[in-house]
Each structure stands twice: as structure tokens, then as C-alpha cells.
Protein backbone atom coordinates (compact mmCIF):
# COMPACT_ATOMS: atom_id res chain seq x y z
CA MET A 1 -46.08 -62.39 -4.58
CA PRO A 2 -44.98 -63.85 -1.22
CA SER A 3 -43.10 -67.12 -1.19
CA GLN A 4 -44.80 -70.15 0.27
CA ASP A 5 -43.53 -73.14 2.21
CA VAL A 6 -43.93 -76.77 1.13
CA GLN A 7 -47.61 -77.06 2.12
CA GLY A 8 -48.51 -73.82 0.34
CA HIS A 9 -48.99 -71.75 3.49
CA LEU A 10 -47.45 -68.36 4.08
CA THR A 11 -44.67 -68.12 6.65
CA PRO A 12 -45.60 -66.21 9.85
CA ALA A 13 -43.68 -63.10 8.74
CA GLU A 14 -45.31 -63.11 5.32
CA ALA A 15 -48.78 -63.65 6.76
CA LEU A 16 -48.31 -60.78 9.23
CA ALA A 17 -46.93 -58.46 6.54
CA GLU A 18 -49.87 -59.29 4.30
CA SER A 19 -52.42 -58.66 7.06
CA LEU A 20 -50.76 -55.33 7.94
CA GLY A 21 -50.56 -54.33 4.29
CA ILE A 22 -46.81 -53.72 4.34
CA GLU A 23 -44.10 -54.93 1.98
CA HIS A 24 -41.20 -55.61 4.38
CA LEU A 25 -41.26 -57.14 7.84
CA THR A 26 -38.65 -58.77 10.06
CA LEU A 27 -39.44 -60.87 13.12
CA PHE A 28 -36.97 -61.21 16.00
CA ALA A 29 -36.69 -63.81 18.74
CA ASN A 30 -36.40 -61.16 21.45
CA GLY A 31 -36.09 -57.45 22.11
CA THR A 32 -32.32 -57.58 22.56
CA LEU A 33 -31.80 -58.83 19.01
CA ALA A 34 -34.20 -56.19 17.71
CA LEU A 35 -32.31 -53.41 19.56
CA LEU A 36 -28.91 -54.69 18.40
CA THR A 37 -30.08 -54.84 14.80
CA ALA A 38 -31.63 -51.36 14.93
CA LEU A 39 -28.48 -49.86 16.45
CA GLN A 40 -26.26 -51.52 13.83
CA VAL A 41 -28.47 -50.63 10.86
CA LEU A 42 -28.81 -47.00 11.99
CA ARG A 43 -25.07 -46.88 12.84
CA ILE A 44 -25.75 -45.21 16.17
CA THR A 45 -22.53 -44.38 17.99
CA GLY A 46 -21.62 -42.25 20.95
CA GLU A 47 -23.79 -41.63 23.96
CA VAL A 48 -27.20 -43.28 24.15
CA ILE A 49 -29.47 -42.32 27.04
CA THR A 50 -31.95 -44.88 28.38
CA THR A 51 -34.03 -45.31 31.49
CA PRO A 52 -32.44 -46.95 34.55
CA TYR A 53 -35.74 -48.82 35.09
CA SER A 54 -35.32 -51.07 32.07
CA PHE A 55 -34.38 -54.70 31.61
CA VAL A 56 -30.62 -55.29 31.81
CA ALA A 57 -30.53 -56.52 28.19
CA THR A 58 -31.40 -53.00 27.03
CA ALA A 59 -28.17 -51.63 28.47
CA HIS A 60 -26.25 -54.70 27.32
CA SER A 61 -27.30 -54.16 23.71
CA LEU A 62 -25.76 -50.66 23.86
CA LEU A 63 -22.29 -51.96 24.76
């Protein structure tokens, strides 16, 4: 059963997870944080190839 805030409403992450029918969901403030988290969780090391036509934060998250 999802937790509820003070007014009894689901948090945005819980409401989205419920509507998608999934158990776990994490929301991020931006794509850089999502990339950093994914790289750290997956323990990706070494060379990572990306497109040169991407936002600078993509390359920055790989440093």
C-alpha cells in the first residue's frame, strides 16, 4: 500500500507508479542527475561513447 501525505493524497511518484502499474519508480529533477545515478548504480567504468550532438551535461555526467 503506498504511503500518503498529510491530506491523504498520493505523492507524484506514487501516483505515477500506480497509474503505470509498477512497483518502483524514482523521479529526478533533471537528466543529468538521472544519468549520474544510472552510471553509479550500474558501476559503469572505462570508455563511454556518446554523440557529439548532445547537451554538454551529458558529457559532464560521464566525468
